[in-house]
């Protein structure tokens, strides 16, 4: 692949991943009941609502899970992968493209959570204002994942539960998302 195609691929990845990040933040904030009045939550709501509102009329939430947001994130990943295949001059199979985009969304969500847990644990070591909008949203999203292990893995004054959660997320990426991605790639290139 030429240098120009590599640069174009990077720009395509960045644009689509930014959109998926916003949609994923919206889904997670709703699922975790993050404070709606948080300025960061307002930002995410403002920029995702024009796209989500029409889809939510057709696809309602299931419990607290925003299915419309998940569907749009999956379709964004599928469109990203299709554009990247088109840039390389390859026409992927539809089933493979859908499986690959689902695997990429799963991998993206796991990596997103891994980064959030790392940032949350890093910020917990410093004296930061607990009322800061970023910290409040981060705490709301990470807390449900940390709750089962919270306080159970304390040695001295150090809580190792964030490390255990990060290891579990890494294992999920290796054992679930990676094989699914390989299957999707094989199906996409075979079709």
C-alpha atoms as a PDB file:
ATOM      1  CA  UNK A   1       0.000   0.000   0.000  1.00  0.00           C
ATOM      2  CA  UNK A   2       1.376   3.422  -0.848  1.00  0.00           C
ATOM      3  CA  UNK A   3       2.042   6.145   1.673  1.00  0.00           C
ATOM      4  CA  UNK A   4      -0.897   8.173   0.393  1.00  0.00           C
ATOM      5  CA  UNK A   5      -3.284   5.248   0.873  1.00  0.00           C
ATOM      6  CA  UNK A   6      -1.934   4.714   4.389  1.00  0.00           C
ATOM      7  CA  UNK A   7      -2.593   8.364   5.204  1.00  0.00           C
ATOM      8  CA  UNK A   8      -6.084   8.182   3.695  1.00  0.00           C
ATOM      9  CA  UNK A   9      -6.789   5.018   5.689  1.00  0.00           C
ATOM     10  CA  UNK A  10      -5.692   6.755   8.876  1.00  0.00           C
ATOM     11  CA  UNK A  11      -7.987   9.734   8.217  1.00  0.00           C
ATOM     12  CA  UNK A  12     -10.923   7.433   7.476  1.00  0.00           C
ATOM     13  CA  UNK A  13     -10.266   5.477  10.684  1.00  0.00           C
ATOM     14  CA  UNK A  14     -10.064   8.676  12.746  1.00  0.00           C
ATOM     15  CA  UNK A  15     -13.291  10.119  11.347  1.00  0.00           C
ATOM     16  CA  UNK A  16     -15.352   6.970  11.831  1.00  0.00           C
ATOM     17  CA  UNK A  17     -13.816   6.162  15.230  1.00  0.00           C
ATOM     18  CA  UNK A  18     -14.705   9.656  16.471  1.00  0.00           C
ATOM     19  CA  UNK A  19     -18.340   9.080  15.477  1.00  0.00           C
ATOM     20  CA  UNK A  20     -18.370   5.628  17.073  1.00  0.00           C
ATOM     21  CA  UNK A  21     -16.813   7.062  20.248  1.00  0.00           C
ATOM     22  CA  UNK A  22     -19.630   9.602  20.556  1.00  0.00           C
ATOM     23  CA  UNK A  23     -22.280   6.933  19.969  1.00  0.00           C
ATOM     24  CA  UNK A  24     -20.622   4.561  22.422  1.00  0.00           C
ATOM     25  CA  UNK A  25     -20.380   7.299  25.048  1.00  0.00           C
ATOM     26  CA  UNK A  26     -24.095   7.980  24.573  1.00  0.00           C
ATOM     27  CA  UNK A  27     -24.991   4.302  24.951  1.00  0.00           C
ATOM     28  CA  UNK A  28     -22.791   3.877  28.037  1.00  0.00           C
ATOM     29  CA  UNK A  29     -23.958   7.107  29.662  1.00  0.00           C
ATOM     30  CA  UNK A  30     -27.593   6.088  29.280  1.00  0.00           C
ATOM     31  CA  UNK A  31     -26.955   2.519  30.438  1.00  0.00           C
ATOM     32  CA  UNK A  32     -25.051   3.697  33.523  1.00  0.00           C
ATOM     33  CA  UNK A  33     -27.493   6.519  34.259  1.00  0.00           C
ATOM     34  CA  UNK A  34     -24.838   9.208  34.101  1.00  0.00           C
ATOM     35  CA  UNK A  35     -25.845  12.686  35.198  1.00  0.00           C
ATOM     36  CA  UNK A  36     -27.683  14.240  32.267  1.00  0.00           C
ATOM     37  CA  UNK A  37     -26.889  17.763  33.468  1.00  0.00           C
ATOM     38  CA  UNK A  38     -23.148  17.130  33.235  1.00  0.00           C
ATOM     39  CA  UNK A  39     -21.739  19.439  30.510  1.00  0.00           C
ATOM     40  CA  UNK A  40     -19.926  16.527  28.902  1.00  0.00           C
ATOM     41  CA  UNK A  41     -23.143  14.490  28.819  1.00  0.00           C
ATOM     42  CA  UNK A  42     -24.877  17.471  27.274  1.00  0.00           C
ATOM     43  CA  UNK A  43     -22.172  17.664  24.591  1.00  0.00           C
ATOM     44  CA  UNK A  44     -22.555  13.970  23.744  1.00  0.00           C
ATOM     45  CA  UNK A  45     -26.356  14.270  23.720  1.00  0.00           C
ATOM     46  CA  UNK A  46     -26.316  17.381  21.528  1.00  0.00           C
ATOM     47  CA  UNK A  47     -24.134  15.829  18.836  1.00  0.00           C
ATOM     48  CA  UNK A  48     -25.673  12.359  18.789  1.00  0.00           C
ATOM     49  CA  UNK A  49     -29.340  13.234  19.114  1.00  0.00           C
ATOM     50  CA  UNK A  50     -29.901  14.464  15.510  1.00  0.00           C
ATOM     51  CA  UNK A  51     -28.779  11.074  14.223  1.00  0.00           C
ATOM     52  CA  UNK A  52     -30.300   8.951  16.987  1.00  0.00           C
ATOM     53  CA  UNK A  53     -33.737  10.595  17.310  1.00  0.00           C
ATOM     54  CA  UNK A  54     -35.191   9.254  14.016  1.00  0.00           C
ATOM     55  CA  UNK A  55     -33.786   5.769  14.613  1.00  0.00           C
ATOM     56  CA  UNK A  56     -35.088   5.676  18.200  1.00  0.00           C
ATOM     57  CA  UNK A  57     -38.632   6.120  16.906  1.00  0.00           C
ATOM     58  CA  UNK A  58     -38.261   2.768  15.132  1.00  0.00           C
ATOM     59  CA  UNK A  59     -35.922   0.960  17.526  1.00  0.00           C
ATOM     60  CA  UNK A  60     -36.762   1.610  21.185  1.00  0.00           C
ATOM     61  CA  UNK A  61     -34.465   1.068  24.140  1.00  0.00           C
ATOM     62  CA  UNK A  62     -34.257  -2.345  25.730  1.00  0.00           C
ATOM     63  CA  UNK A  63     -34.153  -1.820  29.467  1.00  0.00           C
ATOM     64  CA  UNK A  64     -31.486   0.891  29.691  1.00  0.00           C
ATOM     65  CA  UNK A  65     -29.615  -0.152  26.561  1.00  0.00           C
ATOM     66  CA  UNK A  66     -29.872   2.268  23.648  1.00  0.00           C
ATOM     67  CA  UNK A  67     -30.275  -0.224  20.802  1.00  0.00           C
ATOM     68  CA  UNK A  68     -30.468   2.535  18.200  1.00  0.00           C
ATOM     69  CA  UNK A  69     -27.077   3.850  19.304  1.00  0.00           C
ATOM     70  CA  UNK A  70     -25.564   0.366  19.146  1.00  0.00           C
ATOM     71  CA  UNK A  71     -27.053  -0.213  15.699  1.00  0.00           C
ATOM     72  CA  UNK A  72     -25.704   3.083  14.397  1.00  0.00           C
ATOM     73  CA  UNK A  73     -22.258   2.365  15.877  1.00  0.00           C
ATOM     74  CA  UNK A  74     -22.289  -1.051  14.191  1.00  0.00           C
ATOM     75  CA  UNK A  75     -23.352   0.466  10.867  1.00  0.00           C
ATOM     76  CA  UNK A  76     -20.649   3.129  11.191  1.00  0.00           C
ATOM     77  CA  UNK A  77     -18.069   0.391  11.717  1.00  0.00           C
ATOM     78  CA  UNK A  78     -19.449  -1.506   8.696  1.00  0.00           C
ATOM     79  CA  UNK A  79     -19.300   1.623   6.535  1.00  0.00           C
ATOM     80  CA  UNK A  80     -15.755   2.358   7.729  1.00  0.00           C
ATOM     81  CA  UNK A  81     -14.621  -1.164   6.889  1.00  0.00           C
ATOM     82  CA  UNK A  82     -16.370  -1.033   3.475  1.00  0.00           C
ATOM     83  CA  UNK A  83     -14.669   2.302   2.645  1.00  0.00           C
ATOM     84  CA  UNK A  84     -11.287   0.916   3.715  1.00  0.00           C
ATOM     85  CA  UNK A  85     -11.802  -2.176   1.559  1.00  0.00           C
ATOM     86  CA  UNK A  86     -12.855   0.071  -1.361  1.00  0.00           C
ATOM     87  CA  UNK A  87      -9.712   2.174  -0.948  1.00  0.00           C
ATOM     88  CA  UNK A  88      -7.677  -1.034  -1.254  1.00  0.00           C
ATOM     89  CA  UNK A  89      -9.686  -2.069  -4.323  1.00  0.00           C
ATOM     90  CA  UNK A  90     -11.371  -5.062  -2.668  1.00  0.00           C
ATOM     91  CA  UNK A  91     -15.106  -5.803  -2.685  1.00  0.00           C
ATOM     92  CA  UNK A  92     -15.919  -7.649   0.584  1.00  0.00           C
ATOM     93  CA  UNK A  93     -18.670 -10.188   1.088  1.00  0.00           C
ATOM     94  CA  UNK A  94     -21.707  -8.779   2.927  1.00  0.00           C
ATOM     95  CA  UNK A  95     -21.861 -11.417   5.678  1.00  0.00           C
ATOM     96  CA  UNK A  96     -18.144 -11.123   6.305  1.00  0.00           C
ATOM     97  CA  UNK A  97     -18.390  -7.336   6.369  1.00  0.00           C
ATOM     98  CA  UNK A  98     -21.177  -7.463   8.964  1.00  0.00           C
ATOM     99  CA  UNK A  99     -19.343 -10.000  11.140  1.00  0.00           C
ATOM    100  CA  UNK A 100     -16.083  -8.049  10.840  1.00  0.00           C
ATOM    101  CA  UNK A 101     -17.762  -4.768  11.758  1.00  0.00           C
ATOM    102  CA  UNK A 102     -19.467  -6.404  14.753  1.00  0.00           C
ATOM    103  CA  UNK A 103     -16.099  -7.781  15.890  1.00  0.00           C
ATOM    104  CA  UNK A 104     -14.478  -4.385  15.415  1.00  0.00           C
ATOM    105  CA  UNK A 105     -17.234  -2.710  17.420  1.00  0.00           C
ATOM    106  CA  UNK A 106     -16.778  -5.239  20.214  1.00  0.00           C
ATOM    107  CA  UNK A 107     -13.004  -4.754  20.135  1.00  0.00           C
ATOM    108  CA  UNK A 108     -13.444  -0.972  20.066  1.00  0.00           C
ATOM    109  CA  UNK A 109     -15.817  -1.077  23.058  1.00  0.00           C
ATOM    110  CA  UNK A 110     -13.453  -3.306  25.042  1.00  0.00           C
ATOM    111  CA  UNK A 111     -10.492  -1.064  24.261  1.00  0.00           C
ATOM    112  CA  UNK A 112     -12.586   2.003  25.087  1.00  0.00           C
ATOM    113  CA  UNK A 113     -13.472   0.543  28.482  1.00  0.00           C
ATOM    114  CA  UNK A 114      -9.836  -0.424  29.031  1.00  0.00           C
ATOM    115  CA  UNK A 115      -8.763   3.173  28.472  1.00  0.00           C
ATOM    116  CA  UNK A 116     -11.558   4.476  30.707  1.00  0.00           C
ATOM    117  CA  UNK A 117     -10.644   2.122  33.568  1.00  0.00           C
ATOM    118  CA  UNK A 118      -6.970   3.040  33.230  1.00  0.00           C
ATOM    119  CA  UNK A 119      -7.757   6.774  33.239  1.00  0.00           C
ATOM    120  CA  UNK A 120     -10.140   6.344  36.180  1.00  0.00           C
ATOM    121  CA  UNK A 121      -7.556   4.441  38.239  1.00  0.00           C
ATOM    122  CA  UNK A 122      -4.834   6.916  37.321  1.00  0.00           C
ATOM    123  CA  UNK A 123      -6.985   9.893  38.306  1.00  0.00           C
ATOM    124  CA  UNK A 124      -7.883   8.230  41.600  1.00  0.00           C
ATOM    125  CA  UNK A 125      -4.226   8.501  42.639  1.00  0.00           C
ATOM    126  CA  UNK A 126      -4.221  12.285  42.402  1.00  0.00           C
ATOM    127  CA  UNK A 127      -6.091  14.944  44.323  1.00  0.00           C
ATOM    128  CA  UNK A 128      -8.546  16.072  41.676  1.00  0.00           C
ATOM    129  CA  UNK A 129     -11.868  17.821  42.049  1.00  0.00           C
ATOM    130  CA  UNK A 130     -14.478  15.043  42.271  1.00  0.00           C
ATOM    131  CA  UNK A 131     -17.100  17.407  40.839  1.00  0.00           C
ATOM    132  CA  UNK A 132     -15.230  17.861  37.551  1.00  0.00           C
ATOM    133  CA  UNK A 133     -17.559  16.904  34.645  1.00  0.00           C
ATOM    134  CA  UNK A 134     -15.083  14.500  33.057  1.00  0.00           C
ATOM    135  CA  UNK A 135     -14.436  12.709  36.343  1.00  0.00           C
ATOM    136  CA  UNK A 136     -18.153  12.458  37.133  1.00  0.00           C
ATOM    137  CA  UNK A 137     -18.943  10.935  33.731  1.00  0.00           C
ATOM    138  CA  UNK A 138     -15.922   8.646  33.938  1.00  0.00           C
ATOM    139  CA  UNK A 139     -16.950   7.467  37.393  1.00  0.00           C
ATOM    140  CA  UNK A 140     -20.536   6.835  36.286  1.00  0.00           C
ATOM    141  CA  UNK A 141     -19.404   4.711  33.329  1.00  0.00           C
ATOM    142  CA  UNK A 142     -16.642   2.769  35.103  1.00  0.00           C
ATOM    143  CA  UNK A 143     -18.428   2.176  38.443  1.00  0.00           C
ATOM    144  CA  UNK A 144     -20.734  -0.670  37.252  1.00  0.00           C
ATOM    145  CA  UNK A 145     -17.730  -2.550  35.894  1.00  0.00           C
ATOM    146  CA  UNK A 146     -15.728  -2.070  39.080  1.00  0.00           C
ATOM    147  CA  UNK A 147     -18.554  -2.718  41.553  1.00  0.00           C
ATOM    148  CA  UNK A 148     -18.246  -6.549  41.756  1.00  0.00           C
ATOM    149  CA  UNK A 149     -14.544  -6.381  42.698  1.00  0.00           C
ATOM    150  CA  UNK A 150     -14.501  -3.113  44.609  1.00  0.00           C
ATOM    151  CA  UNK A 151     -12.809  -3.538  47.989  1.00  0.00           C
ATOM    152  CA  UNK A 152     -12.175  -7.270  47.531  1.00  0.00           C
ATOM    153  CA  UNK A 153      -8.689  -7.012  46.095  1.00  0.00           C
ATOM    154  CA  UNK A 154      -7.119  -4.560  48.524  1.00  0.00           C
ATOM    155  CA  UNK A 155      -3.574  -5.196  49.680  1.00  0.00           C
ATOM    156  CA  UNK A 156      -2.389  -2.649  52.193  1.00  0.00           C
ATOM    157  CA  UNK A 157      -3.805   0.591  50.870  1.00  0.00           C
ATOM    158  CA  UNK A 158      -3.719  -0.399  47.197  1.00  0.00           C
ATOM    159  CA  UNK A 159      -6.850  -1.634  45.421  1.00  0.00           C
ATOM    160  CA  UNK A 160      -5.921  -4.050  42.641  1.00  0.00           C
ATOM    161  CA  UNK A 161      -9.472  -4.337  41.260  1.00  0.00           C
ATOM    162  CA  UNK A 162      -8.801  -1.930  38.348  1.00  0.00           C
ATOM    163  CA  UNK A 163      -5.863  -4.129  37.305  1.00  0.00           C
ATOM    164  CA  UNK A 164      -8.057  -7.242  37.439  1.00  0.00           C
ATOM    165  CA  UNK A 165     -10.730  -5.537  35.333  1.00  0.00           C
ATOM    166  CA  UNK A 166      -8.130  -4.388  32.794  1.00  0.00           C
ATOM    167  CA  UNK A 167      -6.727  -7.925  32.547  1.00  0.00           C
ATOM    168  CA  UNK A 168     -10.253  -9.287  32.028  1.00  0.00           C
ATOM    169  CA  UNK A 169     -10.858  -6.717  29.273  1.00  0.00           C
ATOM    170  CA  UNK A 170      -7.569  -7.614  27.583  1.00  0.00           C
ATOM    171  CA  UNK A 171      -8.436 -11.318  27.753  1.00  0.00           C
ATOM    172  CA  UNK A 172     -11.865 -10.614  26.250  1.00  0.00           C
ATOM    173  CA  UNK A 173     -10.170  -8.772  23.393  1.00  0.00           C
ATOM    174  CA  UNK A 174      -7.820 -11.716  22.800  1.00  0.00           C
ATOM    175  CA  UNK A 175     -10.264 -14.578  23.268  1.00  0.00           C
ATOM    176  CA  UNK A 176     -13.542 -13.148  21.931  1.00  0.00           C
ATOM    177  CA  UNK A 177     -12.973 -10.137  19.689  1.00  0.00           C
ATOM    178  CA  UNK A 178      -9.815 -11.328  17.892  1.00  0.00           C
ATOM    179  CA  UNK A 179     -11.198 -14.736  16.757  1.00  0.00           C
ATOM    180  CA  UNK A 180     -14.437 -13.052  15.669  1.00  0.00           C
ATOM    181  CA  UNK A 181     -12.396 -10.486  13.728  1.00  0.00           C
ATOM    182  CA  UNK A 182     -10.409 -13.248  12.028  1.00  0.00           C
ATOM    183  CA  UNK A 183     -13.633 -15.033  11.065  1.00  0.00           C
ATOM    184  CA  UNK A 184     -15.111 -11.807   9.699  1.00  0.00           C
ATOM    185  CA  UNK A 185     -11.976 -11.055   7.695  1.00  0.00           C
ATOM    186  CA  UNK A 186     -11.951 -14.549   6.175  1.00  0.00           C
ATOM    187  CA  UNK A 187     -15.655 -14.280   5.282  1.00  0.00           C
ATOM    188  CA  UNK A 188     -15.273 -10.760   3.870  1.00  0.00           C
ATOM    189  CA  UNK A 189     -12.329 -11.662   1.668  1.00  0.00           C
ATOM    190  CA  UNK A 190     -13.870 -14.965   0.543  1.00  0.00           C
ATOM    191  CA  UNK A 191     -17.050 -13.249  -0.711  1.00  0.00           C
END
